[in-house]
Amino acid sequence: QVQLVESGGGLVQPGGSLTLSCVASGSMYSINGMTWYRQAPGKEREFVGGITRIGSFTFYADSVKGRFTIQRDDEQKAIHLLMNSLKPEDTAIYSCAAGTGVPMTAPTSFTYWGQGTQVTVSS
């Protein structure tokens, strides 16, 4: 079993920055990828970005490419989502997930999910 806890959400103005963290606990033996998804009110869950355990390869949705960066911290069993140049359309609940990660863009590739953290981009 893997438990995931997200933190770092909040209210930020357009153009601002925010960093989300996801800390894992439990056995990571079966985990090959960790990812971030988001869901805005009235919309479907959307892939944001992910990182592989082997090689630390990163993948991003086109909507966040160049603005968001995922970093891995093996010592803390955590991943971080660095978000820059935030836009109102980035407003959503951001959830961390862990699993096989194949493929990254399919929620079914991830067995374990956190509770999510709210990000609101507004002036």
PDB file of N, CA and C in Angstrom:
ATOM      1  N   GLN A   1       0.836  -1.210   0.000  1.00  0.00           N
ATOM      2  CA  GLN A   1       0.000   0.000   0.000  1.00  0.00           C
ATOM      3  C   GLN A   1       0.863   1.248   0.000  1.00  0.00           C
ATOM      4  N   VAL A   2       0.395   2.226  -0.732  1.00  0.00           N
ATOM      5  CA  VAL A   2       1.084   3.517  -0.818  1.00  0.00           C
ATOM      6  C   VAL A   2       0.087   4.601  -0.439  1.00  0.00           C
ATOM      7  N   GLN A   3       0.500   5.487   0.415  1.00  0.00           N
ATOM      8  CA  GLN A   3      -0.320   6.646   0.763  1.00  0.00           C
ATOM      9  C   GLN A   3       0.340   7.895   0.189  1.00  0.00           C
ATOM     10  N   LEU A   4      -0.492   8.784  -0.334  1.00  0.00           N
ATOM     11  CA  LEU A   4      -0.001  10.012  -0.944  1.00  0.00           C
ATOM     12  C   LEU A   4      -0.676  11.207  -0.296  1.00  0.00           C
ATOM     13  N   VAL A   5       0.111  12.194   0.064  1.00  0.00           N
ATOM     14  CA  VAL A   5      -0.436  13.400   0.683  1.00  0.00           C
ATOM     15  C   VAL A   5       0.096  14.615  -0.057  1.00  0.00           C
ATOM     16  N   GLU A   6      -0.834  15.398  -0.596  1.00  0.00           N
ATOM     17  CA  GLU A   6      -0.454  16.610  -1.325  1.00  0.00           C
ATOM     18  C   GLU A   6      -0.492  17.823  -0.396  1.00  0.00           C
ATOM     19  N   SER A   7       0.285  18.828  -0.753  1.00  0.00           N
ATOM     20  CA  SER A   7       0.272  20.085  -0.023  1.00  0.00           C
ATOM     21  C   SER A   7       0.727  21.195  -0.948  1.00  0.00           C
ATOM     22  N   GLY A   8       0.498  22.433  -0.531  1.00  0.00           N
ATOM     23  CA  GLY A   8       1.008  23.573  -1.270  1.00  0.00           C
ATOM     24  C   GLY A   8      -0.015  24.344  -2.072  1.00  0.00           C
ATOM     25  N   GLY A   9      -1.248  23.873  -2.083  1.00  0.00           N
ATOM     26  CA  GLY A   9      -2.263  24.596  -2.835  1.00  0.00           C
ATOM     27  C   GLY A   9      -2.615  25.920  -2.189  1.00  0.00           C
ATOM     28  N   GLY A  10      -3.350  26.742  -2.926  1.00  0.00           N
ATOM     29  CA  GLY A  10      -3.763  28.021  -2.378  1.00  0.00           C
ATOM     30  C   GLY A  10      -4.259  28.959  -3.445  1.00  0.00           C
ATOM     31  N   LEU A  11      -4.372  30.223  -3.072  1.00  0.00           N
ATOM     32  CA  LEU A  11      -4.837  31.271  -3.979  1.00  0.00           C
ATOM     33  C   LEU A  11      -3.635  32.050  -4.486  1.00  0.00           C
ATOM     34  N   VAL A  12      -3.573  32.246  -5.784  1.00  0.00           N
ATOM     35  CA  VAL A  12      -2.459  32.978  -6.383  1.00  0.00           C
ATOM     36  C   VAL A  12      -2.998  33.851  -7.507  1.00  0.00           C
ATOM     37  N   GLN A  13      -2.359  34.975  -7.730  1.00  0.00           N
ATOM     38  CA  GLN A  13      -2.794  35.877  -8.794  1.00  0.00           C
ATOM     39  C   GLN A  13      -2.315  35.371 -10.150  1.00  0.00           C
ATOM     40  N   PRO A  14      -3.008  35.721 -11.212  1.00  0.00           N
ATOM     41  CA  PRO A  14      -2.550  35.353 -12.560  1.00  0.00           C
ATOM     42  C   PRO A  14      -1.124  35.829 -12.787  1.00  0.00           C
ATOM     43  N   GLY A  15      -0.327  34.963 -13.383  1.00  0.00           N
ATOM     44  CA  GLY A  15       1.082  35.262 -13.596  1.00  0.00           C
ATOM     45  C   GLY A  15       1.973  34.844 -12.447  1.00  0.00           C
ATOM     46  N   GLY A  16       1.372  34.430 -11.346  1.00  0.00           N
ATOM     47  CA  GLY A  16       2.138  34.034 -10.177  1.00  0.00           C
ATOM     48  C   GLY A  16       2.634  32.603 -10.236  1.00  0.00           C
ATOM     49  N   SER A  17       3.268  32.201  -9.144  1.00  0.00           N
ATOM     50  CA  SER A  17       3.853  30.862  -9.074  1.00  0.00           C
ATOM     51  C   SER A  17       3.398  30.153  -7.807  1.00  0.00           C
ATOM     52  N   LEU A  18       3.425  28.839  -7.886  1.00  0.00           N
ATOM     53  CA  LEU A  18       3.045  28.006  -6.747  1.00  0.00           C
ATOM     54  C   LEU A  18       3.745  26.668  -6.899  1.00  0.00           C
ATOM     55  N   THR A  19       4.106  26.070  -5.786  1.00  0.00           N
ATOM     56  CA  THR A  19       4.723  24.745  -5.826  1.00  0.00           C
ATOM     57  C   THR A  19       3.886  23.769  -5.012  1.00  0.00           C
ATOM     58  N   LEU A  20       3.489  22.691  -5.640  1.00  0.00           N
ATOM     59  CA  LEU A  20       2.765  21.621  -4.963  1.00  0.00           C
ATOM     60  C   LEU A  20       3.724  20.486  -4.638  1.00  0.00           C
ATOM     61  N   SER A  21       3.484  19.840  -3.523  1.00  0.00           N
ATOM     62  CA  SER A  21       4.290  18.691  -3.130  1.00  0.00           C
ATOM     63  C   SER A  21       3.405  17.482  -2.896  1.00  0.00           C
ATOM     64  N   CYS A  22       3.946  16.323  -3.177  1.00  0.00           N
ATOM     65  CA  CYS A  22       3.249  15.065  -2.939  1.00  0.00           C
ATOM     66  C   CYS A  22       4.246  14.126  -2.261  1.00  0.00           C
ATOM     67  N   VAL A  23       3.944  13.768  -1.019  1.00  0.00           N
ATOM     68  CA  VAL A  23       4.833  12.887  -0.257  1.00  0.00           C
ATOM     69  C   VAL A  23       4.200  11.511  -0.156  1.00  0.00           C
ATOM     70  N   ALA A  24       4.994  10.511  -0.499  1.00  0.00           N
ATOM     71  CA  ALA A  24       4.504   9.130  -0.468  1.00  0.00           C
ATOM     72  C   ALA A  24       5.012   8.401   0.764  1.00  0.00           C
ATOM     73  N   SER A  25       4.217   7.481   1.237  1.00  0.00           N
ATOM     74  CA  SER A  25       4.648   6.594   2.313  1.00  0.00           C
ATOM     75  C   SER A  25       4.186   5.190   1.971  1.00  0.00           C
ATOM     76  N   GLY A  26       4.895   4.199   2.547  1.00  0.00           N
ATOM     77  CA  GLY A  26       4.593   2.816   2.222  1.00  0.00           C
ATOM     78  C   GLY A  26       5.595   2.280   1.220  1.00  0.00           C
ATOM     79  N   SER A  27       5.349   1.071   0.768  1.00  0.00           N
ATOM     80  CA  SER A  27       6.265   0.411  -0.151  1.00  0.00           C
ATOM     81  C   SER A  27       6.101   0.958  -1.564  1.00  0.00           C
ATOM     82  N   MET A  28       7.211   1.419  -2.121  1.00  0.00           N
ATOM     83  CA  MET A  28       7.205   1.978  -3.473  1.00  0.00           C
ATOM     84  C   MET A  28       7.689   0.949  -4.491  1.00  0.00           C
ATOM     85  N   TYR A  29       7.773  -0.313  -4.093  1.00  0.00           N
ATOM     86  CA  TYR A  29       8.361  -1.347  -4.942  1.00  0.00           C
ATOM     87  C   TYR A  29       7.697  -1.430  -6.305  1.00  0.00           C
ATOM     88  N   SER A  30       6.372  -1.337  -6.330  1.00  0.00           N
ATOM     89  CA  SER A  30       5.635  -1.505  -7.583  1.00  0.00           C
ATOM     90  C   SER A  30       5.412  -0.203  -8.335  1.00  0.00           C
ATOM     91  N   ILE A  31       5.942   0.888  -7.820  1.00  0.00           N
ATOM     92  CA  ILE A  31       5.685   2.193  -8.428  1.00  0.00           C
ATOM     93  C   ILE A  31       6.744   2.522  -9.469  1.00  0.00           C
ATOM     94  N   ASN A  32       6.301   2.716 -10.709  1.00  0.00           N
ATOM     95  CA  ASN A  32       7.220   3.084 -11.786  1.00  0.00           C
ATOM     96  C   ASN A  32       7.003   4.508 -12.282  1.00  0.00           C
ATOM     97  N   GLY A  33       5.907   5.113 -11.862  1.00  0.00           N
ATOM     98  CA  GLY A  33       5.645   6.467 -12.296  1.00  0.00           C
ATOM     99  C   GLY A  33       4.780   7.204 -11.286  1.00  0.00           C
ATOM    100  N   MET A  34       5.006   8.490 -11.173  1.00  0.00           N
ATOM    101  CA  MET A  34       4.158   9.343 -10.349  1.00  0.00           C
ATOM    102  C   MET A  34       3.730  10.519 -11.193  1.00  0.00           C
ATOM    103  N   THR A  35       2.531  10.985 -10.928  1.00  0.00           N
ATOM    104  CA  THR A  35       1.972  11.973 -11.824  1.00  0.00           C
ATOM    105  C   THR A  35       1.074  12.958 -11.090  1.00  0.00           C
ATOM    106  N   TRP A  36       0.733  14.031 -11.781  1.00  0.00           N
ATOM    107  CA  TRP A  36      -0.238  15.004 -11.315  1.00  0.00           C
ATOM    108  C   TRP A  36      -1.394  15.059 -12.315  1.00  0.00           C
ATOM    109  N   TYR A  37      -2.584  15.015 -11.776  1.00  0.00           N
ATOM    110  CA  TYR A  37      -3.787  15.245 -12.559  1.00  0.00           C
ATOM    111  C   TYR A  37      -4.521  16.428 -11.927  1.00  0.00           C
ATOM    112  N   ARG A  38      -5.419  17.026 -12.660  1.00  0.00           N
ATOM    113  CA  ARG A  38      -6.228  18.097 -12.092  1.00  0.00           C
ATOM    114  C   ARG A  38      -7.661  17.982 -12.602  1.00  0.00           C
ATOM    115  N   GLN A  39      -8.570  18.512 -11.801  1.00  0.00           N
ATOM    116  CA  GLN A  39      -9.974  18.515 -12.200  1.00  0.00           C
ATOM    117  C   GLN A  39     -10.602  19.833 -11.791  1.00  0.00           C
ATOM    118  N   ALA A  40     -11.092  20.538 -12.792  1.00  0.00           N
ATOM    119  CA  ALA A  40     -11.790  21.804 -12.572  1.00  0.00           C
ATOM    120  C   ALA A  40     -13.283  21.529 -12.438  1.00  0.00           C
ATOM    121  N   PRO A  41     -14.016  22.424 -11.794  1.00  0.00           N
ATOM    122  CA  PRO A  41     -15.462  22.227 -11.630  1.00  0.00           C
ATOM    123  C   PRO A  41     -16.146  22.036 -12.972  1.00  0.00           C
ATOM    124  N   GLY A  42     -16.938  20.981 -13.072  1.00  0.00           N
ATOM    125  CA  GLY A  42     -17.682  20.718 -14.287  1.00  0.00           C
ATOM    126  C   GLY A  42     -16.875  20.144 -15.432  1.00  0.00           C
ATOM    127  N   LYS A  43     -15.606  19.835 -15.180  1.00  0.00           N
ATOM    128  CA  LYS A  43     -14.762  19.291 -16.239  1.00  0.00           C
ATOM    129  C   LYS A  43     -14.225  17.920 -15.847  1.00  0.00           C
ATOM    130  N   GLU A  44     -13.763  17.195 -16.843  1.00  0.00           N
ATOM    131  CA  GLU A  44     -13.187  15.882 -16.582  1.00  0.00           C
ATOM    132  C   GLU A  44     -11.772  16.035 -16.016  1.00  0.00           C
ATOM    133  N   ARG A  45     -11.343  14.975 -15.335  1.00  0.00           N
ATOM    134  CA  ARG A  45      -9.978  14.944 -14.817  1.00  0.00           C
ATOM    135  C   ARG A  45      -8.997  15.014 -15.982  1.00  0.00           C
ATOM    136  N   GLU A  46      -7.951  15.786 -15.794  1.00  0.00           N
ATOM    137  CA  GLU A  46      -7.010  16.067 -16.881  1.00  0.00           C
ATOM    138  C   GLU A  46      -5.583  15.777 -16.442  1.00  0.00           C
ATOM    139  N   PHE A  47      -4.829  15.088 -17.305  1.00  0.00           N
ATOM    140  CA  PHE A  47      -3.417  14.834 -17.050  1.00  0.00           C
ATOM    141  C   PHE A  47      -2.651  16.156 -17.083  1.00  0.00           C
ATOM    142  N   VAL A  48      -1.777  16.363 -16.094  1.00  0.00           N
ATOM    143  CA  VAL A  48      -0.946  17.563 -16.036  1.00  0.00           C
ATOM    144  C   VAL A  48       0.497  17.228 -16.385  1.00  0.00           C
ATOM    145  N   GLY A  49       1.066  16.256 -15.687  1.00  0.00           N
ATOM    146  CA  GLY A  49       2.444  15.876 -15.940  1.00  0.00           C
ATOM    147  C   GLY A  49       2.832  14.699 -15.074  1.00  0.00           C
ATOM    148  N   GLY A  50       3.918  14.025 -15.437  1.00  0.00           N
ATOM    149  CA  GLY A  50       4.364  12.876 -14.674  1.00  0.00           C
ATOM    150  C   GLY A  50       5.857  12.671 -14.802  1.00  0.00           C
ATOM    151  N   ILE A  51       6.367  11.802 -13.945  1.00  0.00           N
ATOM    152  CA  ILE A  51       7.796  11.505 -13.943  1.00  0.00           C
ATOM    153  C   ILE A  51       7.986  10.022 -13.676  1.00  0.00           C
ATOM    154  N   THR A  52       8.945   9.421 -14.393  1.00  0.00           N
ATOM    155  CA  THR A  52       9.202   8.002 -14.219  1.00  0.00           C
ATOM    156  C   THR A  52      10.210   7.775 -13.104  1.00  0.00           C
ATOM    157  N   ARG A  53      10.124   6.602 -12.467  1.00  0.00           N
ATOM    158  CA  ARG A  53      11.075   6.283 -11.390  1.00  0.00           C
ATOM    159  C   ARG A  53      12.454   5.989 -11.965  1.00  0.00           C
ATOM    160  N   ILE A  54      12.490   5.277 -13.072  1.00  0.00           N
ATOM    161  CA  ILE A  54      13.760   4.960 -13.718  1.00  0.00           C
ATOM    162  C   ILE A  54      14.039   6.015 -14.776  1.00  0.00           C
ATOM    163  N   GLY A  55      15.149   6.696 -14.603  1.00  0.00           N
ATOM    164  CA  GLY A  55      15.536   7.698 -15.594  1.00  0.00           C
ATOM    165  C   GLY A  55      14.972   9.078 -15.369  1.00  0.00           C
ATOM    166  N   SER A  56      13.952   9.175 -14.475  1.00  0.00           N
ATOM    167  CA  SER A  56      13.310  10.474 -14.204  1.00  0.00           C
ATOM    168  C   SER A  56      12.878  11.191 -15.474  1.00  0.00           C
ATOM    169  N   PHE A  57      12.302  10.441 -16.402  1.00  0.00           N
ATOM    170  CA  PHE A  57      11.771  11.070 -17.610  1.00  0.00           C
ATOM    171  C   PHE A  57      10.477  11.788 -17.250  1.00  0.00           C
ATOM    172  N   THR A  58      10.320  12.996 -17.784  1.00  0.00           N
ATOM    173  CA  THR A  58       9.127  13.779 -17.480  1.00  0.00           C
ATOM    174  C   THR A  58       8.242  13.942 -18.709  1.00  0.00           C
ATOM    175  N   PHE A  59       6.965  14.044 -18.469  1.00  0.00           N
ATOM    176  CA  PHE A  59       5.965  14.202 -19.506  1.00  0.00           C
ATOM    177  C   PHE A  59       4.999  15.291 -19.058  1.00  0.00           C
ATOM    178  N   TYR A  60       4.561  16.128 -19.984  1.00  0.00           N
ATOM    179  CA  TYR A  60       3.665  17.232 -19.638  1.00  0.00           C
ATOM    180  C   TYR A  60       2.536  17.343 -20.644  1.00  0.00           C
ATOM    181  N   ALA A  61       1.409  17.819 -20.159  1.00  0.00           N
ATOM    182  CA  ALA A  61       0.313  18.166 -21.060  1.00  0.00           C
ATOM    183  C   ALA A  61       0.709  19.415 -21.830  1.00  0.00           C
ATOM    184  N   ASP A  62       0.222  19.538 -23.047  1.00  0.00           N
ATOM    185  CA  ASP A  62       0.545  20.704 -23.871  1.00  0.00           C
ATOM    186  C   ASP A  62       0.137  22.005 -23.188  1.00  0.00           C
ATOM    187  N   SER A  63      -0.937  21.953 -22.415  1.00  0.00           N
ATOM    188  CA  SER A  63      -1.469  23.158 -21.789  1.00  0.00           C
ATOM    189  C   SER A  63      -0.543  23.726 -20.704  1.00  0.00           C
ATOM    190  N   VAL A  64       0.379  22.912 -20.201  1.00  0.00           N
ATOM    191  CA  VAL A  64       1.261  23.381 -19.121  1.00  0.00           C
ATOM    192  C   VAL A  64       2.733  23.341 -19.513  1.00  0.00           C
ATOM    193  N   LYS A  65       3.030  22.793 -20.677  1.00  0.00           N
ATOM    194  CA  LYS A  65       4.418  22.663 -21.114  1.00  0.00           C
ATOM    195  C   LYS A  65       5.088  24.029 -21.173  1.00  0.00           C
ATOM    196  N   GLY A  66       6.288  24.117 -20.586  1.00  0.00           N
ATOM    197  CA  GLY A  66       7.010  25.380 -20.548  1.00  0.00           C
ATOM    198  C   GLY A  66       6.687  26.228 -19.340  1.00  0.00           C
ATOM    199  N   ARG A  67       5.603  25.890 -18.640  1.00  0.00           N
ATOM    200  CA  ARG A  67       5.215  26.653 -17.448  1.00  0.00           C
ATOM    201  C   ARG A  67       5.349  25.818 -16.172  1.00  0.00           C
ATOM    202  N   PHE A  68       5.090  24.525 -16.273  1.00  0.00           N
ATOM    203  CA  PHE A  68       5.134  23.628 -15.114  1.00  0.00           C
ATOM    204  C   PHE A  68       6.346  22.710 -15.213  1.00  0.00           C
ATOM    205  N   THR A  69       6.918  22.367 -14.065  1.00  0.00           N
ATOM    206  CA  THR A  69       8.055  21.459 -14.009  1.00  0.00           C
ATOM    207  C   THR A  69       7.845  20.476 -12.863  1.00  0.00           C
ATOM    208  N   ILE A  70       8.120  19.207 -13.119  1.00  0.00           N
ATOM    209  CA  ILE A  70       8.028  18.183 -12.077  1.00  0.00           C
ATOM    210  C   ILE A  70       9.431  17.781 -11.659  1.00  0.00           C
ATOM    211  N   GLN A  71       9.635  17.750 -10.348  1.00  0.00           N
ATOM    212  CA  GLN A  71      10.915  17.324  -9.807  1.00  0.00           C
ATOM    213  C   GLN A  71      10.678  16.173  -8.837  1.00  0.00           C
ATOM    214  N   ARG A  72      11.678  15.307  -8.735  1.00  0.00           N
ATOM    215  CA  ARG A  72      11.568  14.139  -7.862  1.00  0.00           C
ATOM    216  C   ARG A  72      12.566  14.253  -6.723  1.00  0.00           C
ATOM    217  N   ASP A  73      12.143  13.897  -5.533  1.00  0.00           N
ATOM    218  CA  ASP A  73      13.012  13.900  -4.355  1.00  0.00           C
ATOM    219  C   ASP A  73      12.946  12.510  -3.752  1.00  0.00           C
ATOM    220  N   ASP A  74      13.899  11.661  -4.114  1.00  0.00           N
ATOM    221  CA  ASP A  74      13.875  10.269  -3.657  1.00  0.00           C
ATOM    222  C   ASP A  74      14.076  10.152  -2.150  1.00  0.00           C
ATOM    223  N   GLU A  75      14.858  11.069  -1.596  1.00  0.00           N
ATOM    224  CA  GLU A  75      15.124  10.993  -0.157  1.00  0.00           C
ATOM    225  C   GLU A  75      13.842  11.161   0.645  1.00  0.00           C
ATOM    226  N   GLN A  76      12.962  12.042   0.173  1.00  0.00           N
ATOM    227  CA  GLN A  76      11.698  12.277   0.864  1.00  0.00           C
ATOM    228  C   GLN A  76      10.554  11.483   0.265  1.00  0.00           C
ATOM    229  N   LYS A  77      10.851  10.680  -0.758  1.00  0.00           N
ATOM    230  CA  LYS A  77       9.801   9.939  -1.491  1.00  0.00           C
ATOM    231  C   LYS A  77       8.713  10.917  -1.902  1.00  0.00           C
ATOM    232  N   ALA A  78       9.137  11.971  -2.581  1.00  0.00           N
ATOM    233  CA  ALA A  78       8.191  13.022  -2.942  1.00  0.00           C
ATOM    234  C   ALA A  78       8.403  13.472  -4.377  1.00  0.00           C
ATOM    235  N   ILE A  79       7.373  14.042  -4.933  1.00  0.00           N
ATOM    236  CA  ILE A  79       7.508  14.776  -6.185  1.00  0.00           C
ATOM    237  C   ILE A  79       6.922  16.163  -5.967  1.00  0.00           C
ATOM    238  N   HIS A  80       7.442  17.112  -6.723  1.00  0.00           N
ATOM    239  CA  HIS A  80       7.002  18.490  -6.602  1.00  0.00           C
ATOM    240  C   HIS A  80       6.568  18.999  -7.965  1.00  0.00           C
ATOM    241  N   LEU A  81       5.526  19.808  -7.968  1.00  0.00           N
ATOM    242  CA  LEU A  81       5.051  20.422  -9.200  1.00  0.00           C
ATOM    243  C   LEU A  81       5.280  21.921  -9.084  1.00  0.00           C
ATOM    244  N   LEU A  82       6.252  22.419  -9.832  1.00  0.00           N
ATOM    245  CA  LEU A  82       6.559  23.837  -9.834  1.00  0.00           C
ATOM    246  C   LEU A  82       5.740  24.482 -10.930  1.00  0.00           C
ATOM    247  N   MET A  83       4.862  25.399 -10.538  1.00  0.00           N
ATOM    248  CA  MET A  83       3.946  26.023 -11.486  1.00  0.00           C
ATOM    249  C   MET A  83       4.252  27.504 -11.600  1.00  0.00           C
ATOM    250  N   ASN A  84       4.571  27.928 -12.803  1.00  0.00           N
ATOM    251  CA  ASN A  84       4.865  29.331 -13.078  1.00  0.00           C
ATOM    252  C   ASN A  84       3.865  29.879 -14.099  1.00  0.00           C
ATOM    253  N   SER A  85       3.820  31.211 -14.184  1.00  0.00           N
ATOM    254  CA  SER A  85       2.940  31.882 -15.152  1.00  0.00           C
ATOM    255  C   SER A  85       1.529  31.323 -15.087  1.00  0.00           C
ATOM    256  N   LEU A  86       1.008  31.229 -13.896  1.00  0.00           N
ATOM    257  CA  LEU A  86      -0.309  30.620 -13.709  1.00  0.00           C
ATOM    258  C   LEU A  86      -1.408  31.446 -14.344  1.00  0.00           C
ATOM    259  N   LYS A  87      -2.406  30.744 -14.868  1.00  0.00           N
ATOM    260  CA  LYS A  87      -3.534  31.359 -15.542  1.00  0.00           C
ATOM    261  C   LYS A  87      -4.827  30.970 -14.808  1.00  0.00           C
ATOM    262  N   PRO A  88      -5.864  31.766 -14.962  1.00  0.00           N
ATOM    263  CA  PRO A  88      -7.142  31.399 -14.328  1.00  0.00           C
ATOM    264  C   PRO A  88      -7.621  30.007 -14.717  1.00  0.00           C
ATOM    265  N   GLU A  89      -7.325  29.582 -15.945  1.00  0.00           N
ATOM    266  CA  GLU A  89      -7.751  28.252 -16.375  1.00  0.00           C
ATOM    267  C   GLU A  89      -6.966  27.118 -15.727  1.00  0.00           C
ATOM    268  N   ASP A  90      -5.941  27.461 -14.947  1.00  0.00           N
ATOM    269  CA  ASP A  90      -5.225  26.435 -14.186  1.00  0.00           C
ATOM    270  C   ASP A  90      -5.937  26.122 -12.866  1.00  0.00           C
ATOM    271  N   THR A  91      -6.975  26.873 -12.560  1.00  0.00           N
ATOM    272  CA  THR A  91      -7.731  26.643 -11.333  1.00  0.00           C
ATOM    273  C   THR A  91      -8.360  25.257 -11.347  1.00  0.00           C
ATOM    274  N   ALA A  92      -8.058  24.471 -10.315  1.00  0.00           N
ATOM    275  CA  ALA A  92      -8.551  23.096 -10.239  1.00  0.00           C
ATOM    276  C   ALA A  92      -8.096  22.465  -8.933  1.00  0.00           C
ATOM    277  N   ILE A  93      -8.607  21.288  -8.681  1.00  0.00           N
ATOM    278  CA  ILE A  93      -8.056  20.453  -7.614  1.00  0.00           C
ATOM    279  C   ILE A  93      -6.966  19.595  -8.247  1.00  0.00           C
ATOM    280  N   TYR A  94      -5.772  19.669  -7.684  1.00  0.00           N
ATOM    281  CA  TYR A  94      -4.631  18.933  -8.210  1.00  0.00           C
ATOM    282  C   TYR A  94      -4.392  17.703  -7.339  1.00  0.00           C
ATOM    283  N   SER A  95      -4.328  16.558  -8.003  1.00  0.00           N
ATOM    284  CA  SER A  95      -4.138  15.303  -7.283  1.00  0.00           C
ATOM    285  C   SER A  95      -2.880  14.606  -7.759  1.00  0.00           C
ATOM    286  N   CYS A  96      -2.207  13.998  -6.820  1.00  0.00           N
ATOM    287  CA  CYS A  96      -1.016  13.216  -7.094  1.00  0.00           C
ATOM    288  C   CYS A  96      -1.417  11.747  -7.205  1.00  0.00           C
ATOM    289  N   ALA A  97      -0.755  11.010  -8.078  1.00  0.00           N
ATOM    290  CA  ALA A  97      -1.060   9.594  -8.228  1.00  0.00           C
ATOM    291  C   ALA A  97       0.228   8.808  -8.450  1.00  0.00           C
ATOM    292  N   ALA A  98       0.203   7.538  -8.095  1.00  0.00           N
ATOM    293  CA  ALA A  98       1.368   6.666  -8.256  1.00  0.00           C
ATOM    294  C   ALA A  98       0.915   5.315  -8.775  1.00  0.00           C
ATOM    295  N   GLY A  99       1.748   4.718  -9.650  1.00  0.00           N
ATOM    296  CA  GLY A  99       1.393   3.410 -10.192  1.00  0.00           C
ATOM    297  C   GLY A  99       2.394   2.977 -11.233  1.00  0.00           C
ATOM    298  N   THR A 100       1.945   2.155 -12.159  1.00  0.00           N
ATOM    299  CA  THR A 100       2.852   1.683 -13.207  1.00  0.00           C
ATOM    300  C   THR A 100       3.249   2.827 -14.133  1.00  0.00           C
ATOM    301  N   GLY A 101       2.320   3.764 -14.312  1.00  0.00           N
ATOM    302  CA  GLY A 101       2.624   4.921 -15.146  1.00  0.00           C
ATOM    303  C   GLY A 101       2.682   4.639 -16.628  1.00  0.00           C
ATOM    304  N   VAL A 102       2.100   3.509 -17.043  1.00  0.00           N
ATOM    305  CA  VAL A 102       2.129   3.169 -18.461  1.00  0.00           C
ATOM    306  C   VAL A 102       0.703   2.980 -18.958  1.00  0.00           C
ATOM    307  N   PRO A 103       0.214   3.907 -19.776  1.00  0.00           N
ATOM    308  CA  PRO A 103       0.847   5.185 -20.103  1.00  0.00           C
ATOM    309  C   PRO A 103       0.587   6.251 -19.050  1.00  0.00           C
ATOM    310  N   MET A 104       1.336   7.307 -19.090  1.00  0.00           N
ATOM    311  CA  MET A 104       1.218   8.393 -18.104  1.00  0.00           C
ATOM    312  C   MET A 104      -0.119   9.097 -18.213  1.00  0.00           C
ATOM    313  N   THR A 105      -0.650   9.164 -19.425  1.00  0.00           N
ATOM    314  CA  THR A 105      -1.833   9.969 -19.665  1.00  0.00           C
ATOM    315  C   THR A 105      -3.139   9.263 -19.339  1.00  0.00           C
ATOM    316  N   ALA A 106      -3.070   8.031 -18.880  1.00  0.00           N
ATOM    317  CA  ALA A 106      -4.282   7.284 -18.541  1.00  0.00           C
ATOM    318  C   ALA A 106      -4.416   7.150 -17.030  1.00  0.00           C
ATOM    319  N   PRO A 107      -5.494   7.673 -16.444  1.00  0.00           N
ATOM    320  CA  PRO A 107      -5.691   7.550 -15.003  1.00  0.00           C
ATOM    321  C   PRO A 107      -5.668   6.104 -14.516  1.00  0.00           C
ATOM    322  N   THR A 108      -6.069   5.186 -15.368  1.00  0.00           N
ATOM    323  CA  THR A 108      -6.086   3.769 -14.985  1.00  0.00           C
ATOM    324  C   THR A 108      -4.691   3.195 -14.777  1.00  0.00           C
ATOM    325  N   SER A 109      -3.660   3.938 -15.170  1.00  0.00           N
ATOM    326  CA  SER A 109      -2.283   3.485 -14.964  1.00  0.00           C
ATOM    327  C   SER A 109      -1.808   3.702 -13.532  1.00  0.00           C
ATOM    328  N   PHE A 110      -2.660   4.358 -12.741  1.00  0.00           N
ATOM    329  CA  PHE A 110      -2.253   4.733 -11.396  1.00  0.00           C
ATOM    330  C   PHE A 110      -3.217   4.155 -10.372  1.00  0.00           C
ATOM    331  N   THR A 111      -2.640   3.374  -9.463  1.00  0.00           N
ATOM    332  CA  THR A 111      -3.432   2.676  -8.455  1.00  0.00           C
ATOM    333  C   THR A 111      -3.714   3.538  -7.240  1.00  0.00           C
ATOM    334  N   TYR A 112      -2.754   4.374  -6.880  1.00  0.00           N
ATOM    335  CA  TYR A 112      -2.841   5.133  -5.634  1.00  0.00           C
ATOM    336  C   TYR A 112      -3.026   6.619  -5.930  1.00  0.00           C
ATOM    337  N   TRP A 113      -3.952   7.225  -5.190  1.00  0.00           N
ATOM    338  CA  TRP A 113      -4.276   8.629  -5.401  1.00  0.00           C
ATOM    339  C   TRP A 113      -4.311   9.365  -4.075  1.00  0.00           C
ATOM    340  N   GLY A 114      -3.882  10.626  -4.105  1.00  0.00           N
ATOM    341  CA  GLY A 114      -4.008  11.466  -2.922  1.00  0.00           C
ATOM    342  C   GLY A 114      -5.377  12.118  -2.891  1.00  0.00           C
ATOM    343  N   GLN A 115      -5.605  12.899  -1.832  1.00  0.00           N
ATOM    344  CA  GLN A 115      -6.900  13.558  -1.657  1.00  0.00           C
ATOM    345  C   GLN A 115      -7.047  14.793  -2.532  1.00  0.00           C
ATOM    346  N   GLY A 116      -5.933  15.362  -2.930  1.00  0.00           N
ATOM    347  CA  GLY A 116      -5.985  16.544  -3.774  1.00  0.00           C
ATOM    348  C   GLY A 116      -5.776  17.825  -2.988  1.00  0.00           C
ATOM    349  N   THR A 117      -5.343  18.853  -3.695  1.00  0.00           N
ATOM    350  CA  THR A 117      -5.151  20.168  -3.086  1.00  0.00           C
ATOM    351  C   THR A 117      -5.675  21.223  -4.061  1.00  0.00           C
ATOM    352  N   GLN A 118      -6.385  22.198  -3.530  1.00  0.00           N
ATOM    353  CA  GLN A 118      -7.039  23.201  -4.376  1.00  0.00           C
ATOM    354  C   GLN A 118      -6.053  24.288  -4.792  1.00  0.00           C
ATOM    355  N   VAL A 119      -6.054  24.579  -6.078  1.00  0.00           N
ATOM    356  CA  VAL A 119      -5.290  25.710  -6.613  1.00  0.00           C
ATOM    357  C   VAL A 119      -6.287  26.658  -7.270  1.00  0.00           C
ATOM    358  N   THR A 120      -6.254  27.893  -6.837  1.00  0.00           N
ATOM    359  CA  THR A 120      -7.143  28.911  -7.396  1.00  0.00           C
ATOM    360  C   THR A 120      -6.306  30.063  -7.908  1.00  0.00           C
ATOM    361  N   VAL A 121      -6.487  30.366  -9.201  1.00  0.00           N
ATOM    362  CA  VAL A 121      -5.756  31.466  -9.824  1.00  0.00           C
ATOM    363  C   VAL A 121      -6.762  32.570 -10.128  1.00  0.00           C
ATOM    364  N   SER A 122      -6.649  33.647  -9.382  1.00  0.00           N
ATOM    365  CA  SER A 122      -7.634  34.724  -9.512  1.00  0.00           C
ATOM    366  C   SER A 122      -7.057  36.020  -8.981  1.00  0.00           C
ATOM    367  N   SER A 123      -7.501  37.123  -9.585  1.00  0.00           N
ATOM    368  CA  SER A 123      -7.081  38.426  -9.084  1.00  0.00           C
ATOM    369  C   SER A 123      -8.098  38.964  -8.076  1.00  0.00           C
TER     370      SER A 123
END
